[in-house]
Amino acid sequence: MTGTLYLIPNTLGPTAPEPDALSHILPDQVQAVAARLDYFVAENAKTARAFLKLVGLRHPLAKPLQEIDIAELNVNTPAQALTALLQPLLAGRDAGLVSEAGVPAVADPGADLVRLAHQHGIMVRPLVGPSSLLLAVMASGLNGQSFAFNGYLPTDAEQRARRIKELEQRSRKEKQTQLFIETPYRNAAMLEALVSNCQPGTLVCVATDLSLPSETVRTLTAAKWKTALAGGKGPDFHKKPTVFLLLGQ
């Protein structure tokens, strides 16, 4: 009998090392599942151990932290290495898939492992936790009935401008909210690109540090964002994880 692959959400940012630090982010049952596992697949073993250390403040871990097996899966992991990551599950051992932040397999290399698990008949169980994308949609005031996540936009200025206009046109035509993310140190450049390339009435939301004490969510028209930036009243989002959303009017 094969083991179960649990998809375990992580926090969306730094969390204080206190016994109840995860209580408002992850249900107690989810923490309990993570605590009883001794094999994990994660983007980075160091940060996965930091997450398990927080879990261990409330639920005793199955083994001492340094004895828990953590295999890494990231954008540099070759496809042919994925089967080996599933071998413990095929041998009957339960495992946890943990992202760097938020839910696994969404804007995350873990999706390939989940697909392969299904192909091998391994049970996959998603657990409840924070998703920055859904939190952003919830808080934006934009269309939550129809939305699309587009990952990262091009870094080249001309290509990025063209892509923004394409997304805006699609959004207006289909009344669909468009979501995307950016490398945190390029957040300011992304907002400037949105202001420069969107129609004045297009709604733009900037959602930063979601679920953290420093969380901010702000929705304005592109025209009002332009005025805010010109007056030095832009968002405090330098090097902070941010989700961008737009809805053409």
Protein backbone atom coordinates (compact mmCIF):
# COMPACT_ATOMS: atom_id res chain seq x y z
CA MET A 1 0.00 0.00 0.00
CA THR A 2 1.37 3.41 -0.97
CA GLY A 3 1.72 6.33 1.41
CA THR A 4 -0.19 9.60 1.20
CA LEU A 5 1.26 12.84 -0.16
CA TYR A 6 0.05 15.70 2.04
CA LEU A 7 0.20 19.19 0.54
CA ILE A 8 1.11 21.35 3.51
CA PRO A 9 0.77 25.14 3.30
CA ASN A 10 3.53 27.32 4.72
CA THR A 11 3.41 30.83 6.12
CA LEU A 12 3.58 33.79 3.71
CA GLY A 13 6.50 35.43 5.50
CA PRO A 14 8.62 35.59 8.66
CA THR A 15 6.79 34.38 11.76
CA ALA A 16 7.75 34.91 15.40
CA PRO A 17 8.92 31.72 17.15
CA GLU A 18 6.03 31.48 19.62
CA PRO A 19 3.85 28.45 20.50
CA ASP A 20 0.75 30.02 18.92
CA ALA A 21 2.58 31.66 16.03
CA LEU A 22 0.79 29.53 13.43
CA SER A 23 -2.64 29.51 15.07
CA HIS A 24 -4.12 32.26 12.87
CA ILE A 25 -2.54 30.83 9.71
CA LEU A 26 -2.82 27.03 9.85
CA PRO A 27 -5.56 24.95 11.51
CA ASP A 28 -4.34 22.88 14.44
CA GLN A 29 -5.15 19.67 12.54
CA VAL A 30 -2.85 20.71 9.70
CA GLN A 31 -0.02 21.35 12.13
CA ALA A 32 -0.64 17.95 13.71
CA VAL A 33 -0.33 16.22 10.33
CA ALA A 34 2.94 18.01 9.60
CA ALA A 35 4.28 17.06 13.04
CA ARG A 36 3.76 13.33 12.57
CA LEU A 37 5.55 13.11 9.22
CA ASP A 38 9.25 12.32 8.96
CA TYR A 39 9.72 12.76 5.20
CA PHE A 40 9.20 16.03 3.31
CA VAL A 41 9.79 17.43 -0.15
CA ALA A 42 10.51 21.16 -0.10
CA GLU A 43 12.01 23.90 -2.22
CA ASN A 44 14.65 24.59 0.41
CA ALA A 45 15.54 22.26 3.30
CA LYS A 46 16.67 25.09 5.57
CA THR A 47 13.41 27.03 5.37
CA ALA A 48 11.39 23.81 5.64
CA ARG A 49 13.17 23.07 8.92
CA ALA A 50 12.37 26.60 10.12
CA PHE A 51 8.70 25.89 9.39
CA LEU A 52 8.81 22.54 11.20
CA LYS A 53 10.50 24.22 14.14
CA LEU A 54 7.43 26.47 14.47
CA VAL A 55 5.14 23.44 14.21
CA GLY A 56 7.17 21.71 16.90
CA LEU A 57 6.50 24.50 19.39
CA ARG A 58 2.91 23.25 19.64
CA HIS A 59 3.06 19.63 18.43
CA PRO A 60 5.96 17.27 19.20
CA LEU A 61 7.67 16.27 15.97
CA ALA A 62 7.91 12.62 14.90
CA LYS A 63 11.71 12.79 15.16
CA PRO A 64 14.34 15.32 16.21
CA LEU A 65 14.40 18.08 13.60
CA GLN A 66 17.80 17.16 12.17
CA GLU A 67 16.72 13.53 11.72
CA ILE A 68 13.69 14.36 9.59
CA ASP A 69 14.33 13.61 5.92
CA ILE A 70 13.86 16.62 3.63
CA ALA A 71 14.44 16.23 -0.11
CA GLU A 72 14.67 19.39 -2.21
CA LEU A 73 12.54 20.10 -5.27
CA ASN A 74 13.00 23.43 -7.02
CA VAL A 75 13.15 24.94 -10.50
CA ASN A 76 16.57 23.35 -11.04
CA THR A 77 15.43 19.80 -10.25
CA PRO A 78 15.50 17.68 -13.44
CA ALA A 79 12.26 15.92 -14.37
CA GLN A 80 13.96 12.52 -14.24
CA ALA A 81 14.69 13.04 -10.51
CA LEU A 82 11.03 13.29 -9.51
CA THR A 83 10.38 9.53 -9.43
CA ALA A 84 13.09 9.07 -6.80
CA LEU A 85 11.33 11.63 -4.59
CA LEU A 86 8.24 9.42 -4.63
CA GLN A 87 10.03 6.18 -3.75
CA PRO A 88 9.37 6.48 -0.01
CA LEU A 89 5.64 6.91 -0.74
CA LEU A 90 5.63 3.94 -3.08
CA ALA A 91 7.15 1.98 -0.19
CA GLY A 92 4.24 2.99 2.05
CA ARG A 93 5.66 6.06 3.81
CA ASP A 94 3.55 9.23 4.15
CA ALA A 95 5.17 12.48 3.03
CA GLY A 96 4.57 16.22 3.10
CA LEU A 97 5.09 18.61 0.20
CA VAL A 98 5.94 22.08 1.55
CA SER A 99 6.31 25.30 -0.46
CA GLU A 100 8.57 28.21 0.39
CA ALA A 101 5.46 30.26 1.09
CA GLY A 102 1.75 29.63 0.87
CA VAL A 103 0.19 26.57 -0.71
CA PRO A 104 2.23 23.92 -2.54
CA ALA A 105 1.84 23.28 -6.27
CA VAL A 106 0.37 26.73 -7.04
CA ALA A 107 3.00 28.91 -8.74
CA ASP A 108 5.32 26.28 -7.32
CA PRO A 109 7.50 23.47 -8.78
CA GLY A 110 5.68 20.94 -6.58
CA ALA A 111 2.90 20.71 -9.19
CA ASP A 112 5.02 18.32 -11.27
CA LEU A 113 5.47 16.00 -8.28
CA VAL A 114 1.74 16.02 -7.57
CA ARG A 115 0.96 15.08 -11.18
CA LEU A 116 3.46 12.23 -11.04
CA ALA A 117 1.98 11.05 -7.73
CA HIS A 118 -1.41 10.74 -9.41
CA GLN A 119 0.16 8.76 -12.24
CA HIS A 120 1.55 6.30 -9.67
CA GLY A 121 -1.76 5.95 -7.86
CA ILE A 122 -0.55 7.80 -4.76
CA MET A 123 -3.26 9.50 -2.70
CA VAL A 124 -2.87 13.29 -2.65
CA ARG A 125 -4.43 15.29 0.18
CA PRO A 126 -4.41 19.12 0.04
CA LEU A 127 -4.52 20.77 3.47
CA VAL A 128 -6.00 24.13 4.39
CA GLY A 129 -3.72 27.17 4.58
CA PRO A 130 -2.95 30.63 3.18
CA SER A 131 -2.82 31.37 -0.54
CA SER A 132 -1.59 34.87 -1.35
CA LEU A 133 -3.43 34.75 -4.68
CA LEU A 134 -6.84 34.00 -3.19
CA LEU A 135 -6.30 36.41 -0.31
CA ALA A 136 -5.46 39.12 -2.85
CA VAL A 137 -8.59 38.43 -4.89
CA MET A 138 -10.70 38.47 -1.72
CA ALA A 139 -9.34 41.80 -0.54
CA SER A 140 -9.08 43.59 -3.89
CA GLY A 141 -12.74 44.31 -4.55
CA LEU A 142 -12.18 43.14 -8.14
CA ASN A 143 -14.10 40.36 -9.89
CA GLY A 144 -13.93 37.21 -7.78
CA GLN A 145 -16.21 35.25 -10.11
CA SER A 146 -13.67 35.13 -12.92
CA PHE A 147 -9.94 35.58 -12.51
CA ALA A 148 -6.68 34.30 -13.98
CA PHE A 149 -3.18 34.02 -12.56
CA ASN A 150 -0.43 34.87 -15.06
CA GLY A 151 2.72 34.25 -13.04
CA TYR A 152 5.60 36.63 -13.78
CA LEU A 153 5.42 39.18 -16.57
CA PRO A 154 8.42 39.80 -18.87
CA THR A 155 11.30 41.79 -17.40
CA ASP A 156 12.06 43.52 -20.71
CA ALA A 157 10.27 46.88 -20.61
CA GLU A 158 8.78 46.69 -24.11
CA GLN A 159 7.63 43.10 -23.73
CA ARG A 160 6.19 43.85 -20.30
CA ALA A 161 4.26 46.86 -21.60
CA ARG A 162 2.84 44.78 -24.44
CA ARG A 163 1.84 42.00 -22.03
CA ILE A 164 0.14 44.45 -19.65
CA LYS A 165 -1.93 45.86 -22.51
CA GLU A 166 -2.87 42.35 -23.63
CA LEU A 167 -4.01 41.43 -20.11
CA GLU A 168 -5.92 44.69 -19.75
CA GLN A 169 -7.72 44.13 -23.05
CA ARG A 170 -8.60 40.56 -22.04
CA SER A 171 -9.76 41.75 -18.64
CA ARG A 172 -12.03 44.39 -20.14
CA LYS A 173 -13.47 42.04 -22.77
CA GLU A 174 -14.10 39.10 -20.41
CA LYS A 175 -14.64 41.12 -17.21
CA GLN A 176 -11.92 38.96 -15.72
CA THR A 177 -9.49 39.95 -12.96
CA GLN A 178 -5.86 39.40 -13.99
CA LEU A 179 -3.29 38.49 -11.31
CA PHE A 180 0.50 38.41 -11.52
CA ILE A 181 3.52 38.61 -9.27
CA GLU A 182 6.97 40.15 -9.45
CA THR A 183 10.37 39.67 -7.88
CA PRO A 184 10.03 41.86 -4.74
CA TYR A 185 12.87 44.24 -5.57
CA ARG A 186 11.14 45.07 -8.89
CA ASN A 187 7.75 45.92 -7.38
CA ALA A 188 8.15 49.66 -7.96
CA ALA A 189 9.04 49.13 -11.61
CA MET A 190 5.99 46.91 -12.05
CA LEU A 191 3.60 49.48 -10.60
CA GLU A 192 5.16 52.21 -12.75
CA ALA A 193 4.65 49.99 -15.81
CA LEU A 194 0.99 49.45 -14.89
CA VAL A 195 0.41 53.17 -14.41
CA SER A 196 2.08 53.96 -17.72
CA ASN A 197 0.36 51.31 -19.84
CA CYS A 198 -3.13 50.88 -18.41
CA GLN A 199 -6.12 53.02 -19.30
CA PRO A 200 -6.87 55.68 -16.63
CA GLY A 201 -10.03 53.92 -15.42
CA THR A 202 -8.51 50.44 -15.09
CA LEU A 203 -8.57 49.23 -11.50
CA VAL A 204 -5.20 48.20 -10.12
CA CYS A 205 -4.73 46.48 -6.76
CA VAL A 206 -1.43 46.11 -4.91
CA ALA A 207 -1.54 43.48 -2.15
CA THR A 208 1.61 43.24 -0.01
CA ASP A 209 2.72 41.02 2.89
CA LEU A 210 -0.62 39.24 3.01
CA SER A 211 -1.44 37.61 6.37
CA LEU A 212 1.53 39.36 8.02
CA PRO A 213 1.37 42.23 10.55
CA SER A 214 2.67 44.58 7.83
CA GLU A 215 -0.09 43.60 5.37
CA THR A 216 -1.45 46.30 3.04
CA VAL A 217 -4.03 46.03 0.26
CA ARG A 218 -4.88 49.06 -1.85
CA THR A 219 -7.09 49.33 -4.96
CA LEU A 220 -7.15 52.49 -7.09
CA THR A 221 -7.67 53.38 -10.72
CA ALA A 222 -4.50 53.64 -12.78
CA ALA A 223 -5.04 57.42 -12.90
CA LYS A 224 -5.22 57.69 -9.12
CA TRP A 225 -2.15 55.49 -8.72
CA LYS A 226 -0.32 57.84 -11.08
CA THR A 227 -1.27 60.79 -8.89
CA ALA A 228 -0.26 58.93 -5.72
CA LEU A 229 3.15 58.01 -7.13
CA ALA A 230 3.76 61.55 -8.35
CA GLY A 231 3.02 62.79 -4.84
CA GLY A 232 5.37 60.29 -3.22
CA LYS A 233 2.46 58.31 -1.73
CA GLY A 234 3.16 54.96 -3.32
CA PRO A 235 2.91 51.69 -1.39
CA ASP A 236 5.59 50.50 1.03
CA PHE A 237 6.42 47.32 -0.87
CA HIS A 238 10.16 47.38 -1.61
CA LYS A 239 11.50 43.82 -1.30
CA LYS A 240 8.14 42.64 0.09
CA PRO A 241 6.11 39.82 -1.52
CA THR A 242 3.34 41.46 -3.52
CA VAL A 243 0.45 40.35 -5.73
CA PHE A 244 -0.70 42.71 -8.49
CA LEU A 245 -4.24 42.63 -9.88
CA LEU A 246 -6.00 44.58 -12.61
CA LEU A 247 -9.53 44.80 -13.93
CA GLY A 248 -10.26 46.75 -17.09
CA GLN A 249 -13.35 48.96 -17.01
